[in-house]
């Protein structure tokens, strides 16, 4: 099983879940300034590369017999402006007319498939960690908060439709922050600061 490992705790969480599911070998493509080096202790083989080295990643996976792979963890948006694309990546990008997350992930999946590697959903092996619909924990939402949740959901769906981002932060019917290139975490911090610690974050 191949791992395209970004930052955060997701790669480690996935690796542990894959082991529990009986995966015998894990090969991780790790990215400079992104992946936690500690991931090496959870996988059988790990190779470092830079964001944009698709050809190197595919060669690494094939050398380790990988036929299935999963994208786990985020790539910091700033690194998308510091791409060092190899020839395989340049060819892929030339065929992508609209460069949003959906189209780029689709293009990467297509490139992997050309070499017999199936890109699986990011939630593979993680069903037990996914919450169901409805209230999960903490205090139940009050009427004003429910109104904000509904309002935020409508705004977030529209923002997502426009390929801007997936997250909004709202308070009392006012939009405090909209996620764009900076990513979810930074949008949350900005909205939380503006809401003075009392705001509603909605992600779709």
Protein backbone atom coordinates (compact mmCIF):
# COMPACT_ATOMS: atom_id res chain seq x y z
CA UNK A 1 0.00 0.00 0.00
CA UNK A 2 1.36 3.39 -0.99
CA UNK A 3 0.96 6.55 1.06
CA UNK A 4 1.19 10.03 -0.43
CA UNK A 5 1.95 11.61 2.92
CA UNK A 6 1.43 15.31 3.63
CA UNK A 7 1.59 17.13 6.95
CA UNK A 8 -0.38 16.76 10.17
CA UNK A 9 -1.35 13.62 12.10
CA UNK A 10 -3.35 12.05 9.27
CA UNK A 11 -0.44 10.00 7.81
CA UNK A 12 0.38 8.46 11.20
CA UNK A 13 -3.30 7.78 11.90
CA UNK A 14 -3.72 6.12 8.52
CA UNK A 15 -0.58 4.00 8.91
CA UNK A 16 -1.75 2.65 12.27
CA UNK A 17 -5.24 1.92 10.88
CA UNK A 18 -3.76 0.16 7.85
CA UNK A 19 -1.69 -2.08 10.12
CA UNK A 20 -4.79 -2.95 12.15
CA UNK A 21 -6.52 -3.84 8.89
CA UNK A 22 -3.75 -6.28 8.06
CA UNK A 23 -1.70 -4.32 5.51
CA UNK A 24 1.69 -6.04 5.44
CA UNK A 25 3.76 -3.38 3.67
CA UNK A 26 3.47 0.40 3.67
CA UNK A 27 5.52 2.54 1.29
CA UNK A 28 5.35 6.28 1.99
CA UNK A 29 6.17 9.09 -0.40
CA UNK A 30 7.19 11.89 1.98
CA UNK A 31 7.56 15.57 1.11
CA UNK A 32 10.31 17.92 2.24
CA UNK A 33 9.04 20.56 4.71
CA UNK A 34 5.69 18.76 4.94
CA UNK A 35 5.79 15.17 6.22
CA UNK A 36 6.70 14.45 9.84
CA UNK A 37 9.98 12.46 9.80
CA UNK A 38 8.57 10.33 12.64
CA UNK A 39 6.33 8.63 10.07
CA UNK A 40 9.35 6.52 9.11
CA UNK A 41 8.81 4.44 12.25
CA UNK A 42 5.28 3.49 11.12
CA UNK A 43 6.06 2.38 7.56
CA UNK A 44 8.34 -0.17 5.91
CA UNK A 45 9.96 2.17 3.41
CA UNK A 46 9.90 5.94 3.05
CA UNK A 47 11.39 8.15 0.37
CA UNK A 48 11.74 11.93 0.50
CA UNK A 49 10.83 14.11 -2.48
CA UNK A 50 9.59 17.58 -3.25
CA UNK A 51 6.04 18.57 -4.11
CA UNK A 52 5.70 18.23 -7.88
CA UNK A 53 7.94 15.21 -8.37
CA UNK A 54 5.19 12.93 -9.66
CA UNK A 55 7.54 10.89 -11.81
CA UNK A 56 9.81 10.16 -8.85
CA UNK A 57 6.84 9.18 -6.71
CA UNK A 58 5.48 6.75 -9.30
CA UNK A 59 8.93 5.22 -9.82
CA UNK A 60 9.25 4.77 -6.04
CA UNK A 61 5.85 3.11 -5.78
CA UNK A 62 6.51 0.74 -8.69
CA UNK A 63 9.89 -0.24 -7.25
CA UNK A 64 8.08 -1.28 -4.07
CA UNK A 65 5.28 -3.20 -5.75
CA UNK A 66 2.57 -0.67 -4.89
CA UNK A 67 -0.74 -1.21 -6.71
CA UNK A 68 -2.95 0.88 -4.41
CA UNK A 69 -2.24 4.27 -2.84
CA UNK A 70 -3.95 6.85 -0.64
CA UNK A 71 -3.44 10.61 -0.25
CA UNK A 72 -3.15 11.33 3.47
CA UNK A 73 -2.34 14.69 5.04
CA UNK A 74 -2.35 18.23 3.72
CA UNK A 75 0.16 19.99 1.50
CA UNK A 76 0.65 23.58 2.69
CA UNK A 77 -0.70 25.99 0.06
CA UNK A 78 2.55 28.00 0.10
CA UNK A 79 4.39 24.98 -1.31
CA UNK A 80 2.20 25.01 -4.39
CA UNK A 81 3.99 28.23 -5.35
CA UNK A 82 7.36 26.54 -4.87
CA UNK A 83 6.81 23.61 -7.21
CA UNK A 84 9.81 21.93 -8.76
CA UNK A 85 7.91 19.84 -11.29
CA UNK A 86 9.57 16.96 -13.05
CA UNK A 87 8.77 16.03 -16.65
CA UNK A 88 5.87 13.77 -15.66
CA UNK A 89 4.26 16.58 -13.67
CA UNK A 90 4.76 19.14 -16.46
CA UNK A 91 3.04 16.83 -18.93
CA UNK A 92 0.17 16.28 -16.51
CA UNK A 93 -0.30 20.00 -15.85
CA UNK A 94 -0.31 20.74 -19.57
CA UNK A 95 -3.46 18.65 -19.87
CA UNK A 96 -5.31 20.27 -16.96
CA UNK A 97 -7.31 23.28 -18.14
CA UNK A 98 -8.89 24.27 -14.82
CA UNK A 99 -6.45 23.87 -11.95
CA UNK A 100 -8.57 23.43 -8.86
CA UNK A 101 -8.27 20.74 -6.20
CA UNK A 102 -10.77 18.40 -7.84
CA UNK A 103 -9.20 18.54 -11.30
CA UNK A 104 -5.63 18.21 -9.98
CA UNK A 105 -6.46 15.23 -7.78
CA UNK A 106 -8.25 13.65 -10.72
CA UNK A 107 -5.23 14.20 -12.94
CA UNK A 108 -2.91 12.65 -10.35
CA UNK A 109 -5.22 9.64 -10.07
CA UNK A 110 -5.15 9.25 -13.86
CA UNK A 111 -1.34 9.36 -13.92
CA UNK A 112 -1.11 6.74 -11.19
CA UNK A 113 -3.61 4.55 -13.04
CA UNK A 114 -1.42 4.62 -16.16
CA UNK A 115 1.17 2.73 -14.13
CA UNK A 116 -1.28 0.31 -12.56
CA UNK A 117 -1.69 2.16 -9.26
CA UNK A 118 -5.24 2.73 -8.01
CA UNK A 119 -5.84 5.84 -5.89
CA UNK A 120 -8.18 4.91 -3.05
CA UNK A 121 -10.38 7.26 -0.97
CA UNK A 122 -8.60 9.13 1.82
CA UNK A 123 -10.99 7.51 4.32
CA UNK A 124 -9.77 3.98 3.53
CA UNK A 125 -9.42 1.96 6.79
CA UNK A 126 -10.73 4.94 8.80
CA UNK A 127 -14.48 4.27 8.95
CA UNK A 128 -14.37 3.87 12.74
CA UNK A 129 -13.06 7.44 13.06
CA UNK A 130 -15.75 9.08 10.91
CA UNK A 131 -18.63 10.73 12.82
CA UNK A 132 -22.20 10.08 11.83
CA UNK A 133 -24.80 12.78 11.17
CA UNK A 134 -26.17 14.86 14.02
CA UNK A 135 -24.82 15.99 17.37
CA UNK A 136 -21.60 14.17 18.27
CA UNK A 137 -20.28 15.67 21.51
CA UNK A 138 -20.22 18.77 23.67
CA UNK A 139 -23.15 21.07 24.50
CA UNK A 140 -26.15 20.96 22.18
CA UNK A 141 -26.42 23.94 19.84
CA UNK A 142 -28.78 26.74 20.81
CA UNK A 143 -31.29 28.25 18.38
CA UNK A 144 -28.99 31.14 17.42
CA UNK A 145 -26.14 28.71 16.78
CA UNK A 146 -28.36 26.46 14.68
CA UNK A 147 -29.32 29.46 12.58
CA UNK A 148 -25.64 30.27 12.09
CA UNK A 149 -24.91 26.66 11.18
CA UNK A 150 -27.61 26.72 8.51
CA UNK A 151 -26.45 30.10 7.22
CA UNK A 152 -22.82 28.99 7.18
CA UNK A 153 -23.68 25.78 5.36
CA UNK A 154 -25.40 27.69 2.55
CA UNK A 155 -22.44 30.07 2.21
CA UNK A 156 -19.87 27.26 2.35
CA UNK A 157 -21.69 25.28 -0.35
CA UNK A 158 -21.63 28.30 -2.65
CA UNK A 159 -17.98 29.06 -1.90
CA UNK A 160 -17.15 25.43 -2.68
CA UNK A 161 -19.16 25.53 -5.91
CA UNK A 162 -17.04 28.50 -7.02
CA UNK A 163 -13.83 26.53 -6.24
CA UNK A 164 -12.72 29.14 -3.69
CA UNK A 165 -12.57 26.95 -0.58
CA UNK A 166 -14.64 24.69 1.67
CA UNK A 167 -14.78 26.53 4.98
CA UNK A 168 -16.51 29.62 6.34
CA UNK A 169 -16.64 31.14 9.82
CA UNK A 170 -19.82 33.02 10.75
CA UNK A 171 -21.35 34.77 13.77
CA UNK A 172 -24.90 36.05 14.20
CA UNK A 173 -25.60 35.93 10.47
CA UNK A 174 -22.34 37.64 9.50
CA UNK A 175 -19.51 36.02 7.53
CA UNK A 176 -16.25 36.55 9.43
CA UNK A 177 -13.90 34.51 7.26
CA UNK A 178 -13.91 32.54 4.02
CA UNK A 179 -11.27 29.94 3.29
CA UNK A 180 -9.28 30.55 0.14
CA UNK A 181 -5.67 29.72 -0.68
CA UNK A 182 -4.47 29.97 2.94
CA UNK A 183 -6.28 26.77 3.95
CA UNK A 184 -8.78 25.74 6.61
CA UNK A 185 -6.62 26.23 9.70
CA UNK A 186 -5.71 29.82 8.90
CA UNK A 187 -9.32 30.67 8.00
CA UNK A 188 -10.44 29.27 11.36
CA UNK A 189 -7.83 31.32 13.24
CA UNK A 190 -8.82 34.50 11.42
CA UNK A 191 -12.54 33.96 11.96
CA UNK A 192 -12.05 32.97 15.59
CA UNK A 193 -10.08 36.12 16.29
CA UNK A 194 -12.71 38.32 14.66
CA UNK A 195 -15.47 36.53 16.56
CA UNK A 196 -13.55 36.93 19.82
CA UNK A 197 -13.68 33.20 20.45
CA UNK A 198 -17.40 32.81 19.77
CA UNK A 199 -18.07 31.86 16.17
CA UNK A 200 -19.40 29.01 14.04
CA UNK A 201 -17.11 27.19 11.61
CA UNK A 202 -18.76 25.27 8.77
CA UNK A 203 -16.88 23.06 6.33
CA UNK A 204 -18.37 21.15 3.40
